[in-house]
N, C-alpha and C. Protein backbone atom coordinates (compact mmCIF):
# COMPACT_ATOMS: atom_id res chain seq x y z
N MET A 1 0.78 -1.11 -0.06
CA MET A 1 0.18 -0.02 -0.07
C MET A 1 0.88 1.46 -0.20
N LYS A 2 0.42 2.69 -1.10
CA LYS A 2 1.33 3.57 -0.84
C LYS A 2 1.51 4.79 0.15
N ASP A 3 2.11 4.86 0.68
CA ASP A 3 2.32 6.13 1.52
C ASP A 3 1.28 7.76 1.04
N HIS A 4 0.80 8.22 0.86
CA HIS A 4 0.11 9.34 0.76
C HIS A 4 1.20 10.53 0.62
N ASN A 5 1.65 10.20 1.65
CA ASN A 5 2.89 11.60 1.67
C ASN A 5 4.09 11.61 0.97
N THR A 6 4.52 10.26 0.61
CA THR A 6 4.81 9.42 -0.69
C THR A 6 4.10 10.56 -2.03
N GLN A 7 3.05 10.11 -1.77
CA GLN A 7 1.90 10.30 -3.20
C GLN A 7 1.97 11.85 -3.50
N ASP A 8 2.11 12.21 -2.28
CA ASP A 8 2.03 14.06 -2.12
C ASP A 8 3.16 14.91 -2.53
N SER A 9 3.87 14.01 -1.87
CA SER A 9 5.46 14.59 -2.26
C SER A 9 6.16 14.69 -3.86
N GLY A 10 5.06 13.35 -4.26
CA GLY A 10 5.71 13.06 -5.83
C GLY A 10 5.10 14.20 -6.75
N SER A 11 4.10 14.07 -6.00
CA SER A 11 3.20 15.13 -7.07
C SER A 11 3.62 16.84 -6.52
N ALA A 12 3.94 16.86 -6.23
CA ALA A 12 4.57 18.28 -5.43
C ALA A 12 6.29 18.80 -6.68
N MET A 13 6.81 17.39 -6.09
CA MET A 13 8.21 17.79 -7.37
C MET A 13 7.54 17.77 -9.07
N ARG A 14 6.23 16.68 -8.92
CA ARG A 14 5.87 17.21 -10.24
C ARG A 14 5.33 18.89 -11.03
N ARG A 15 5.05 18.89 -9.44
CA ARG A 15 4.34 20.05 -9.94
C ARG A 15 5.49 21.07 -10.31
N ALA A 16 6.41 21.25 -9.14
CA ALA A 16 7.63 21.68 -9.54
C ALA A 16 8.37 22.11 -10.76
N ARG A 17 8.98 20.87 -11.32
CA ARG A 17 9.74 20.41 -12.28
C ARG A 17 8.76 20.77 -13.79
N PHE A 18 7.69 21.12 -13.95
CA PHE A 18 7.03 20.84 -15.36
C PHE A 18 5.49 22.00 -14.80
N GLY A 19 5.71 22.42 -13.90
CA GLY A 19 4.37 23.95 -14.04
C GLY A 19 3.19 22.66 -13.76
N ALA A 20 2.31 23.85 -13.84
CA ALA A 20 1.05 23.62 -14.28
C ALA A 20 0.31 23.46 -15.88
N LEU A 21 -1.03 22.44 -15.97
CA LEU A 21 -1.39 22.62 -17.85
C LEU A 21 -1.43 23.88 -17.94
N PRO A 22 -1.58 24.56 -19.66
CA PRO A 22 -1.80 25.49 -20.51
C PRO A 22 -3.76 25.57 -19.12
N GLU A 23 -3.67 26.75 -19.38
CA GLU A 23 -5.21 27.42 -20.25
C GLU A 23 -5.81 26.79 -21.00
N ARG A 24 -7.19 26.03 -20.49
CA ARG A 24 -7.44 25.83 -21.45
C ARG A 24 -8.50 26.81 -23.40
N ILE A 25 -8.38 26.20 -24.05
CA ILE A 25 -8.50 27.41 -25.11
C ILE A 25 -9.84 26.96 -25.69
N ALA A 26 -10.61 27.82 -25.72
CA ALA A 26 -11.95 27.82 -26.31
C ALA A 26 -11.58 27.18 -28.00
N TYR A 27 -12.98 27.05 -28.18
CA TYR A 27 -12.52 26.32 -29.67
C TYR A 27 -13.07 27.65 -30.90
N GLU A 28 -14.03 28.39 -30.47
CA GLU A 28 -14.26 30.16 -31.41
C GLU A 28 -12.75 30.88 -31.58
N ASP A 29 -11.73 30.96 -29.97
CA ASP A 29 -10.25 30.58 -30.70
C ASP A 29 -9.79 30.48 -31.63
N MET A 30 -9.83 29.02 -31.70
CA MET A 30 -9.28 28.16 -32.63
C MET A 30 -8.98 28.47 -33.78
N ILE A 31 -10.56 28.67 -34.56
CA ILE A 31 -10.89 28.91 -36.08
C ILE A 31 -11.01 30.13 -36.44
N GLU A 32 -10.97 30.50 -37.31
CA GLU A 32 -10.82 31.81 -38.00
C GLU A 32 -11.50 31.42 -39.49
N THR A 33 -12.70 32.62 -39.83
CA THR A 33 -13.86 32.32 -40.29
C THR A 33 -14.24 33.90 -41.56
N LYS A 34 -13.85 33.83 -42.96
CA LYS A 34 -14.32 34.51 -43.28
C LYS A 34 -14.81 34.45 -45.23
N ALA A 35 -14.96 35.97 -45.69
CA ALA A 35 -15.71 35.67 -46.16
C ALA A 35 -15.20 34.87 -47.85
N ALA A 36 -16.52 33.88 -48.42
CA ALA A 36 -15.59 33.45 -49.29
C ALA A 36 -15.54 34.40 -50.60
N SER A 37 -14.43 33.61 -51.64
CA SER A 37 -14.67 35.04 -52.70
C SER A 37 -15.20 34.52 -54.02
N ALA A 38 -15.99 35.21 -54.88
CA ALA A 38 -16.32 34.85 -55.38
C ALA A 38 -15.88 34.26 -56.52
N ARG A 39 -16.79 33.64 -57.46
CA ARG A 39 -16.34 33.17 -58.18
C ARG A 39 -15.75 34.05 -59.65
N ASP A 40 -14.38 32.65 -60.84
CA ASP A 40 -13.87 33.57 -61.41
C ASP A 40 -14.40 32.98 -62.46
N PRO A 41 -15.13 33.83 -64.03
CA PRO A 41 -16.10 32.85 -64.29
C PRO A 41 -15.01 32.51 -65.41
N ALA A 42 -13.26 33.41 -65.45
CA ALA A 42 -12.82 32.23 -66.95
C ALA A 42 -11.58 30.99 -66.81
N ARG A 43 -12.39 30.86 -65.41
CA ARG A 43 -11.43 30.15 -64.51
C ARG A 43 -12.21 28.76 -64.38
N ASP A 44 -13.57 29.12 -65.13
CA ASP A 44 -15.27 27.87 -65.80
C ASP A 44 -15.10 27.73 -67.16
N ALA A 45 -14.68 28.95 -67.98
CA ALA A 45 -14.83 28.34 -69.27
C ALA A 45 -14.34 27.49 -69.97
N TYR A 46 -14.99 26.67 -71.29
CA TYR A 46 -14.45 25.48 -71.61
C TYR A 46 -13.22 26.24 -72.75
N ASP A 47 -11.93 25.78 -72.60
CA ASP A 47 -11.09 25.95 -73.91
C ASP A 47 -10.53 24.62 -74.37
N PRO A 48 -11.29 24.38 -75.57
CA PRO A 48 -10.65 23.43 -76.09
C PRO A 48 -9.60 22.95 -76.06
N GLU A 49 -9.00 23.55 -76.23
CA GLU A 49 -7.33 23.21 -76.19
C GLU A 49 -7.07 22.27 -74.55
N GLY A 50 -7.39 23.29 -73.73
CA GLY A 50 -7.03 22.36 -72.67
C GLY A 50 -7.80 20.89 -72.47
N ALA A 51 -8.76 20.78 -73.12
CA ALA A 51 -10.32 19.64 -73.47
C ALA A 51 -9.07 18.67 -74.12
N ARG A 52 -8.81 19.12 -75.35
CA ARG A 52 -8.07 18.15 -76.10
C ARG A 52 -6.74 17.04 -74.98
N ASN A 53 -5.84 18.25 -74.09
CA ASN A 53 -4.91 17.80 -74.00
C ASN A 53 -5.24 16.98 -72.42
N LEU A 54 -6.36 17.15 -71.98
CA LEU A 54 -6.39 16.74 -70.58
C LEU A 54 -7.53 14.86 -71.76
N LEU A 55 -8.04 15.02 -72.68
CA LEU A 55 -8.86 13.54 -73.12
C LEU A 55 -7.56 13.09 -73.87
N SER A 56 -5.99 13.75 -74.19
CA SER A 56 -5.41 12.88 -74.87
C SER A 56 -4.43 11.76 -74.16
N CYS A 57 -4.03 12.66 -72.62
CA CYS A 57 -3.50 12.08 -71.74
C CYS A 57 -4.54 10.62 -70.66
N LEU A 58 -5.97 10.89 -70.66
CA LEU A 58 -6.32 10.53 -70.70
C LEU A 58 -6.57 9.19 -71.30
N ALA A 59 -6.35 8.92 -72.48
CA ALA A 59 -6.72 7.74 -73.77
C ALA A 59 -5.00 7.15 -73.52
N TRP A 60 -4.07 7.82 -73.67
CA TRP A 60 -3.03 7.30 -73.00
C TRP A 60 -2.71 6.84 -71.72
N ASP A 61 -3.36 7.08 -70.74
CA ASP A 61 -3.49 6.12 -69.82
C ASP A 61 -4.03 5.02 -69.37
N LEU A 62 -5.22 5.02 -70.15
CA LEU A 62 -5.46 3.32 -70.59
C LEU A 62 -5.32 2.80 -71.50
N ALA A 63 -4.51 3.15 -71.91
CA ALA A 63 -3.61 2.12 -73.54
C ALA A 63 -4.24 2.42 -74.65
N LEU A 64 -5.41 3.23 -74.99
CA LEU A 64 -6.21 3.13 -75.61
C LEU A 64 -5.23 3.58 -77.29
C-alpha cells in the first residue's frame, strides 16, 4: 500500500518541475472565419485546347 505522504511529495516535485498545464483554449478562439471569394468566370470557361490535352492524356493512361 502506498503512503499518501510519498504520493503528495511526488506530485509536488512534478508540479515544481513541469508547472501547471496551460489553460484550455475555447474552440471559437481556434478557428478563423472569412468570407468566400467570388467565382472567377474565366476559370470556369470551356477551353477546347485544354480539353484536348486532358483527353489525350486520359487515352494514353488507359492505353487506348
